[in-house]
Amino acid sequence: MLSFIKKNKNNSWLLGAFFIVALILWNTNILFQNLKKEERSKMELWGMAQQELIENSTVNNLTFHLVFRQTWINPMIQVDENGIIIGHKNIDWDPALEDSLIIYKQLDRIKKENQPILIRYQDSLSNINQKLYYGDSVLLKKLQYYPLALLLIIFLFGAVLYFVFKTSKISEQNRLWAAMAKETAHQIGTPLSSMIGWVTLLQENGKSEALDEMAKDIERLQIITDRFSKVGSLPELTTADVVSETQKTLQYLKRRSSDLIEFHSELPNKKIMLPLNTQLFSWTLENLIKNGIDAMRGKGKISLILTQQAHAIHIEISDTGSGIKKEHFKKIFSPGFTSKKRGWGLGLSLAKRIIVDYHKGKISVKSSELDKGTTFEIVLKKH
């Protein structure tokens, strides 16, 4: 019920904002049209005064002068019936210094702004028709861009609101996942402690290979619990051999994977020391390799190649699975995105957080082809 009310309140705010913007734009348009009509009326009055001046230059001299003073803000060009310019006002052009083509170019521009005003008068021999072309005033030109400026401001304001909302939502999701992870670690901790006690008791009575494997799995559970407890907090990085940590993870996954999965690895024969959180780094490799195994539906080849460069190391993890669509290359690292029928879409999101946020490295889909496989790449800086 509360979410429904909140949703309705949000919709009301959006409708109210839309109504206010529409009202401003509508009023601006009315003001623009009124000013445009007013300027045309002044131009028509100027045309009438011009006609009167030509027909009776003595009587209407004062009228022409007064009308011209009212209409000084608009650029005006007067042409004869052959289209030749015979007069102009408020045009930035000096006939003594500039080419006459310039004023004709200005005439072409003004023609596009308003319809001309006809000036008709009769001389001793024939009827003469002239045209008055006029442009919009500076005020009117500024006003016509006002709605665009308003829309741009609204768009920028909306973009900022969206960014803030998106950031807040992501932050809230991160807090939720961190809380879930810590709660999971807490819930696992109690039965795990009991299992450790029982295995220790059984080992005292007699050792066996099965008990040793159980002990290893319990140790693995302890590592997983520790991993979950670190989510949401800044982990400590220590200098460690990335080659050795990668080899340990591969060996663990090999022992617990189907015989139908072929593992291939290319690792340097020397140590490469990097600032690492070994548990979280191992978790990232596990996520990528397990995703590859899922994409291959339990049968195929996993390849891991670690190469060293001057300032960074590159780890490529490839599978021969179903592949990823190109438009999903960036989405797959988003929280909640998954192409599986089961799963929460958190594995790759956590992998990105571990590599990018904690280790200041990079993780990406290097290449992928549908029904042929995918290659992920991790880049970690040496310093």
Protein backbone atom coordinates (compact mmCIF):
# COMPACT_ATOMS: atom_id res chain seq x y z
CA MET A 1 0.00 0.00 0.00
CA LEU A 2 2.83 2.39 0.91
CA SER A 3 4.69 1.62 -2.32
CA PHE A 4 1.49 2.31 -4.30
CA ILE A 5 1.06 5.71 -2.58
CA LYS A 6 4.75 6.50 -3.14
CA LYS A 7 4.46 5.58 -6.81
CA ASN A 8 1.37 7.79 -7.19
CA LYS A 9 3.19 10.68 -5.49
CA ASN A 10 6.11 10.30 -7.91
CA ASN A 11 3.70 10.25 -10.86
CA SER A 12 1.96 13.38 -9.52
CA TRP A 13 5.30 15.20 -9.32
CA LEU A 14 6.12 14.20 -12.89
CA LEU A 15 2.71 15.26 -14.19
CA GLY A 16 2.96 18.56 -12.28
CA ALA A 17 6.43 19.27 -13.70
CA PHE A 18 5.24 18.41 -17.20
CA PHE A 19 2.22 20.71 -16.82
CA ILE A 20 4.38 23.63 -15.60
CA VAL A 21 6.83 23.21 -18.49
CA ALA A 22 3.98 22.97 -21.01
CA LEU A 23 2.39 26.13 -19.55
CA ILE A 24 5.69 28.07 -19.78
CA LEU A 25 6.24 26.97 -23.37
CA TRP A 26 2.63 27.81 -24.33
CA ASN A 27 2.88 31.31 -22.79
CA THR A 28 6.25 31.87 -24.46
CA ASN A 29 4.78 30.91 -27.82
CA ILE A 30 1.84 33.31 -27.33
CA LEU A 31 4.24 36.12 -26.38
CA PHE A 32 6.39 35.35 -29.42
CA GLN A 33 3.40 35.42 -31.79
CA ASN A 34 2.12 38.69 -30.28
CA LEU A 35 5.50 40.38 -30.63
CA LYS A 36 5.77 39.12 -34.20
CA LYS A 37 2.32 40.59 -35.04
CA GLU A 38 3.26 43.86 -33.37
CA GLU A 39 6.46 44.13 -35.38
CA ARG A 40 4.60 43.42 -38.61
CA SER A 41 2.03 46.10 -37.77
CA LYS A 42 4.88 48.57 -37.32
CA MET A 43 6.39 47.52 -40.62
CA GLU A 44 3.04 47.93 -42.38
CA LEU A 45 2.71 51.37 -40.82
CA TRP A 46 6.19 52.20 -42.06
CA GLY A 47 5.23 51.04 -45.54
CA MET A 48 2.14 53.24 -45.50
CA ALA A 49 4.22 56.20 -44.34
CA GLN A 50 6.75 55.53 -47.09
CA GLN A 51 3.97 55.48 -49.66
CA GLU A 52 2.51 58.72 -48.32
CA LEU A 53 5.94 60.31 -48.28
CA ILE A 54 6.53 59.47 -51.93
CA GLU A 55 3.09 60.70 -53.03
CA ASN A 56 3.10 63.83 -50.87
CA SER A 57 6.54 64.61 -49.49
CA THR A 58 5.54 67.87 -47.76
CA VAL A 59 2.46 66.87 -45.85
CA ASN A 60 3.69 63.54 -44.43
CA ASN A 61 7.28 64.36 -43.58
CA LEU A 62 6.53 64.48 -39.86
CA THR A 63 4.45 61.29 -39.99
CA PHE A 64 7.30 59.41 -41.68
CA HIS A 65 9.80 60.64 -39.13
CA LEU A 66 7.63 59.55 -36.19
CA VAL A 67 6.91 56.13 -37.72
CA PHE A 68 10.56 55.52 -38.47
CA ARG A 69 11.48 56.27 -34.87
CA GLN A 70 8.98 53.59 -33.77
CA THR A 71 10.44 50.95 -36.07
CA TRP A 72 14.20 51.50 -35.73
CA ILE A 73 14.93 48.11 -34.14
CA ASN A 74 14.14 45.92 -37.21
CA PRO A 75 16.53 45.49 -40.15
CA MET A 76 14.68 46.68 -43.33
CA ILE A 77 15.51 46.52 -47.01
CA GLN A 78 13.31 48.12 -49.67
CA VAL A 79 13.45 46.88 -53.28
CA ASP A 80 11.80 48.05 -56.49
CA GLU A 81 9.60 45.90 -58.71
CA ASN A 82 12.74 44.45 -60.35
CA GLY A 83 14.21 43.35 -57.00
CA ILE A 84 16.91 46.01 -56.93
CA ILE A 85 17.67 47.48 -53.51
CA ILE A 86 16.67 51.13 -53.31
CA GLY A 87 16.95 51.67 -49.56
CA HIS A 88 17.74 50.02 -46.24
CA LYS A 89 17.63 50.71 -42.53
CA ASN A 90 19.41 49.07 -39.58
CA ILE A 91 21.64 47.03 -41.90
CA ASP A 92 25.29 46.74 -40.94
CA TRP A 93 26.77 47.56 -44.33
CA ASP A 94 28.97 50.33 -45.63
CA PRO A 95 28.69 50.76 -49.42
CA ALA A 96 31.94 52.69 -49.51
CA LEU A 97 33.97 49.87 -47.97
CA GLU A 98 32.21 46.61 -48.79
CA ASP A 99 31.01 44.67 -51.77
CA SER A 100 27.35 45.18 -52.73
CA LEU A 101 26.88 41.38 -52.83
CA ILE A 102 26.98 41.39 -49.04
CA ILE A 103 23.78 43.40 -48.70
CA TYR A 104 22.05 41.14 -51.23
CA LYS A 105 23.08 38.15 -49.12
CA GLN A 106 21.49 39.88 -46.14
CA LEU A 107 18.40 40.43 -48.24
CA ASP A 108 18.23 36.68 -48.98
CA ARG A 109 18.47 35.97 -45.26
CA ILE A 110 15.76 38.49 -44.34
CA LYS A 111 13.41 37.10 -47.03
CA LYS A 112 13.29 33.82 -45.09
CA GLU A 113 12.19 35.48 -41.86
CA ASN A 114 9.00 37.33 -42.83
CA GLN A 115 6.64 37.88 -45.75
CA PRO A 116 7.31 41.20 -47.56
CA ILE A 117 5.06 44.26 -47.30
CA LEU A 118 3.86 45.70 -50.60
CA ILE A 119 4.23 49.47 -51.18
CA ARG A 120 2.01 50.62 -54.04
CA TYR A 121 1.87 54.12 -55.41
CA GLN A 122 1.14 55.82 -58.71
CA ASP A 123 3.42 58.22 -60.55
CA SER A 124 2.51 60.31 -63.58
CA LEU A 125 2.87 57.41 -66.03
CA SER A 126 2.19 54.09 -64.29
CA ASN A 127 1.53 52.16 -61.11
CA ILE A 128 4.72 51.31 -59.20
CA ASN A 129 4.99 48.39 -56.78
CA GLN A 130 7.84 48.14 -54.32
CA LYS A 131 8.48 45.61 -51.55
CA LEU A 132 9.67 46.08 -48.01
CA TYR A 133 11.54 43.11 -46.52
CA TYR A 134 12.20 43.14 -42.82
CA GLY A 135 13.90 40.87 -40.31
CA ASP A 136 13.02 39.99 -36.77
CA SER A 137 14.27 42.22 -33.99
CA VAL A 138 17.06 41.10 -31.67
CA LEU A 139 14.53 40.63 -28.85
CA LEU A 140 12.33 38.39 -30.98
CA LYS A 141 15.30 36.28 -32.09
CA LYS A 142 16.38 35.78 -28.50
CA LEU A 143 12.84 34.91 -27.49
CA GLN A 144 12.47 32.19 -30.12
CA TYR A 145 15.47 30.36 -28.62
CA TYR A 146 14.10 30.64 -25.10
CA PRO A 147 12.00 27.41 -25.29
CA LEU A 148 15.05 25.49 -26.53
CA ALA A 149 17.16 26.87 -23.69
CA LEU A 150 14.41 25.96 -21.22
CA LEU A 151 14.15 22.42 -22.59
CA LEU A 152 17.95 22.06 -22.40
CA ILE A 153 17.95 23.18 -18.77
CA ILE A 154 15.11 20.76 -17.99
CA PHE A 155 16.97 17.96 -19.76
CA LEU A 156 20.17 18.64 -17.80
CA PHE A 157 18.20 18.85 -14.55
CA GLY A 158 16.50 15.55 -15.38
CA ALA A 159 19.86 13.95 -16.21
CA VAL A 160 21.28 15.06 -12.86
CA LEU A 161 18.22 13.71 -11.03
CA TYR A 162 18.49 10.40 -12.92
CA PHE A 163 22.19 10.15 -12.07
CA VAL A 164 21.53 10.84 -8.39
CA PHE A 165 18.65 8.33 -8.34
CA LYS A 166 20.73 5.70 -10.14
CA THR A 167 23.71 6.22 -7.82
CA SER A 168 21.45 6.05 -4.76
CA LYS A 169 19.83 2.88 -6.03
CA ILE A 170 23.18 1.20 -6.74
CA SER A 171 24.45 2.26 -3.32
CA GLU A 172 21.33 0.82 -1.70
CA GLN A 173 21.76 -2.45 -3.61
CA ASN A 174 25.42 -2.65 -2.57
CA ARG A 175 24.47 -2.17 1.08
CA LEU A 176 21.80 -4.85 0.77
CA TRP A 177 24.17 -7.37 -0.83
CA ALA A 178 26.88 -6.60 1.71
CA ALA A 179 24.39 -7.17 4.53
CA MET A 180 23.21 -10.43 2.94
CA ALA A 181 26.79 -11.62 2.49
CA LYS A 182 27.70 -10.86 6.11
CA GLU A 183 24.51 -12.53 7.33
CA THR A 184 25.31 -15.60 5.19
CA ALA A 185 28.81 -15.75 6.69
CA HIS A 186 27.31 -15.49 10.17
CA GLN A 187 24.74 -18.23 9.53
CA ILE A 188 27.33 -20.60 8.05
CA GLY A 189 29.74 -19.97 10.91
CA THR A 190 27.79 -21.84 13.62
CA PRO A 191 27.26 -25.24 11.92
CA LEU A 192 30.75 -24.98 10.42
CA SER A 193 32.32 -24.74 13.87
CA SER A 194 30.35 -27.82 14.91
CA MET A 195 31.51 -29.75 11.82
CA ILE A 196 35.14 -28.85 12.53
CA GLY A 197 34.74 -30.30 16.03
CA TRP A 198 33.19 -33.53 14.76
CA VAL A 199 35.85 -34.05 12.07
CA THR A 200 38.62 -33.42 14.58
CA LEU A 201 37.04 -36.02 16.90
CA LEU A 202 36.79 -38.58 14.09
CA GLN A 203 40.38 -38.00 13.04
CA GLU A 204 41.56 -38.67 16.59
CA ASN A 205 39.85 -42.08 16.49
CA GLY A 206 41.36 -43.00 13.12
CA LYS A 207 42.51 -41.26 9.94
CA SER A 208 41.16 -42.02 6.47
CA GLU A 209 41.23 -40.46 3.01
CA ALA A 210 37.53 -39.58 3.27
CA LEU A 211 38.11 -37.70 6.51
CA ASP A 212 41.04 -35.83 4.96
CA GLU A 213 38.85 -34.73 2.05
CA MET A 214 36.11 -33.69 4.45
CA ALA A 215 38.66 -31.63 6.36
CA LYS A 216 39.74 -29.94 3.12
CA ASP A 217 36.14 -29.14 2.23
CA ILE A 218 35.52 -27.72 5.69
CA GLU A 219 38.65 -25.60 5.31
CA ARG A 220 37.23 -24.44 1.97
CA LEU A 221 33.96 -23.54 3.68
CA GLN A 222 35.93 -21.46 6.16
CA ILE A 223 37.54 -19.59 3.27
CA ILE A 224 34.13 -19.01 1.65
CA THR A 225 32.75 -17.74 4.95
CA ASP A 226 35.69 -15.38 5.26
CA ARG A 227 35.07 -14.16 1.71
CA PHE A 228 31.45 -13.33 2.42
CA SER A 229 32.39 -11.53 5.62
CA LYS A 230 34.70 -9.24 3.60
CA VAL A 231 32.00 -8.09 1.16
CA GLY A 232 31.08 -4.47 1.81
CA SER A 233 34.32 -3.63 3.59
CA LEU A 234 37.69 -2.58 2.19
CA PRO A 235 39.86 -5.74 2.14
CA GLU A 236 43.53 -5.72 3.03
CA LEU A 237 45.98 -6.30 0.17
CA THR A 238 49.25 -8.11 0.84
CA THR A 239 52.12 -8.92 -1.50
CA ALA A 240 51.55 -12.42 -2.87
CA ASP A 241 52.59 -14.63 -5.78
CA VAL A 242 49.80 -14.38 -8.36
CA VAL A 243 51.12 -17.47 -10.20
CA SER A 244 50.94 -19.65 -7.08
CA GLU A 245 47.45 -18.40 -6.14
CA THR A 246 46.18 -19.04 -9.66
CA GLN A 247 47.69 -22.55 -9.64
CA LYS A 248 46.02 -23.36 -6.29
CA THR A 249 42.61 -22.31 -7.55
CA LEU A 250 42.97 -24.35 -10.74
CA GLN A 251 44.02 -27.46 -8.82
CA TYR A 252 41.06 -27.14 -6.44
CA LEU A 253 38.57 -26.78 -9.33
CA LYS A 254 40.15 -29.64 -11.30
CA ARG A 255 39.69 -32.06 -8.40
CA ARG A 256 36.04 -31.11 -8.02
CA SER A 257 35.02 -30.89 -11.67
CA SER A 258 33.71 -33.57 -14.01
CA ASP A 259 36.11 -35.65 -16.10
CA LEU A 260 34.31 -34.20 -19.12
CA ILE A 261 35.91 -30.81 -18.39
CA GLU A 262 39.39 -30.42 -19.89
CA PHE A 263 41.64 -27.88 -18.17
CA HIS A 264 44.49 -26.19 -20.01
CA SER A 265 46.79 -23.63 -18.37
CA GLU A 266 49.83 -21.60 -19.36
CA LEU A 267 51.55 -20.06 -16.34
CA PRO A 268 55.04 -18.55 -15.95
CA ASN A 269 57.66 -20.69 -14.19
CA LYS A 270 58.69 -17.82 -11.93
CA LYS A 271 57.00 -15.88 -9.16
CA ILE A 272 55.16 -12.66 -9.91
CA MET A 273 54.56 -10.68 -6.75
CA LEU A 274 51.50 -8.39 -6.67
CA PRO A 275 49.40 -6.63 -4.02
CA LEU A 276 46.52 -9.12 -3.65
CA ASN A 277 43.75 -10.23 -1.39
CA THR A 278 44.34 -13.89 -2.13
CA GLN A 279 40.90 -15.11 -1.04
CA LEU A 280 38.97 -12.59 -3.12
CA PHE A 281 41.29 -13.05 -6.11
CA SER A 282 40.73 -16.81 -5.95
CA TRP A 283 36.97 -16.18 -5.70
CA THR A 284 37.08 -14.13 -8.92
CA LEU A 285 38.87 -16.91 -10.82
CA GLU A 286 36.37 -19.45 -9.49
CA ASN A 287 33.42 -17.33 -10.62
CA LEU A 288 34.80 -16.95 -14.16
CA ILE A 289 35.74 -20.63 -14.49
CA LYS A 290 32.43 -21.87 -13.06
CA ASN A 291 30.54 -19.56 -15.40
CA GLY A 292 32.51 -21.11 -18.27
CA ILE A 293 31.65 -24.63 -17.08
CA ASP A 294 27.96 -23.67 -16.86
CA ALA A 295 28.10 -22.17 -20.38
CA MET A 296 29.55 -25.48 -21.67
CA ARG A 297 26.84 -27.44 -19.83
CA GLY A 298 29.43 -29.57 -18.05
CA LYS A 299 31.44 -30.62 -21.12
CA GLY A 300 34.23 -28.73 -22.89
CA LYS A 301 37.58 -27.03 -22.43
CA ILE A 302 38.66 -24.34 -19.97
CA SER A 303 41.87 -22.45 -20.78
CA LEU A 304 43.75 -20.08 -18.47
CA ILE A 305 46.72 -18.10 -19.78
CA LEU A 306 48.72 -15.76 -17.55
CA THR A 307 51.18 -13.40 -19.25
CA GLN A 308 53.47 -10.74 -17.81
CA GLN A 309 54.13 -7.29 -19.25
CA ALA A 310 56.23 -4.35 -18.09
CA HIS A 311 53.68 -2.81 -15.73
CA ALA A 312 50.83 -5.35 -15.51
CA ILE A 313 49.85 -8.99 -15.75
CA HIS A 314 47.08 -10.30 -18.02
CA ILE A 315 44.95 -13.36 -17.26
CA GLU A 316 42.76 -14.77 -20.02
CA ILE A 317 40.11 -17.34 -19.11
CA SER A 318 38.42 -19.03 -22.08
CA ASP A 319 35.67 -21.60 -22.46
CA THR A 320 34.08 -23.46 -25.36
CA GLY A 321 30.53 -22.70 -24.28
CA SER A 322 27.47 -21.00 -25.73
CA GLY A 323 29.04 -17.52 -25.98
CA ILE A 324 27.68 -14.08 -25.16
CA LYS A 325 25.83 -11.64 -27.40
CA LYS A 326 27.88 -8.52 -28.16
CA GLU A 327 25.23 -6.19 -26.74
CA HIS A 328 25.54 -8.02 -23.39
CA PHE A 329 29.33 -7.55 -23.02
CA LYS A 330 28.94 -4.69 -20.52
CA LYS A 331 25.57 -5.71 -19.05
CA ILE A 332 26.84 -9.03 -17.70
CA PHE A 333 28.84 -7.17 -15.03
CA SER A 334 25.73 -5.32 -13.84
CA PRO A 335 24.17 -6.55 -10.56
CA GLY A 336 21.16 -8.77 -11.18
CA PHE A 337 21.85 -9.42 -14.88
CA THR A 338 21.98 -13.12 -15.76
CA SER A 339 21.33 -15.24 -18.84
CA LYS A 340 20.83 -18.37 -16.72
CA LYS A 341 17.46 -19.75 -15.70
CA ARG A 342 18.75 -19.94 -12.14
CA GLY A 343 20.95 -17.51 -10.28
CA TRP A 344 20.85 -13.96 -9.00
CA GLY A 345 23.37 -12.47 -11.40
CA LEU A 346 25.84 -11.51 -8.65
CA GLY A 347 28.94 -13.57 -9.55
CA LEU A 348 30.34 -11.35 -12.32
CA SER A 349 29.20 -8.23 -10.49
CA LEU A 350 31.24 -9.26 -7.45
CA ALA A 351 34.17 -10.25 -9.70
CA LYS A 352 34.19 -6.75 -11.19
CA ARG A 353 34.02 -5.17 -7.75
CA ILE A 354 36.93 -7.29 -6.51
CA ILE A 355 39.15 -6.55 -9.52
CA VAL A 356 38.20 -2.92 -10.25
CA ASP A 357 37.31 -1.46 -6.84
CA TYR A 358 39.60 -3.45 -4.56
CA HIS A 359 42.60 -4.23 -6.80
CA LYS A 360 42.34 -1.19 -9.13
CA GLY A 361 42.54 -3.47 -12.16
CA LYS A 362 40.34 -4.19 -15.15
CA ILE A 363 38.01 -7.03 -16.10
CA SER A 364 36.21 -7.37 -19.43
CA VAL A 365 34.92 -9.70 -22.10
CA LYS A 366 37.85 -9.83 -24.52
CA SER A 367 35.99 -11.82 -27.16
CA SER A 368 32.96 -14.05 -27.55
CA GLU A 369 31.26 -15.92 -30.35
CA LEU A 370 27.87 -17.58 -30.09
CA ASP A 371 28.08 -21.39 -29.81
CA LYS A 372 31.90 -21.24 -29.85
CA GLY A 373 32.95 -19.73 -26.54
CA THR A 374 33.99 -16.70 -24.53
CA THR A 375 37.27 -15.20 -23.30
CA PHE A 376 37.40 -13.00 -20.19
CA GLU A 377 40.44 -10.86 -19.46
CA ILE A 378 41.76 -9.63 -16.12
CA VAL A 379 44.46 -6.95 -15.98
CA LEU A 380 46.26 -6.27 -12.68
CA LYS A 381 48.89 -3.59 -12.19
CA LYS A 382 52.18 -4.61 -10.63
CA HIS A 383 52.39 -1.55 -8.38
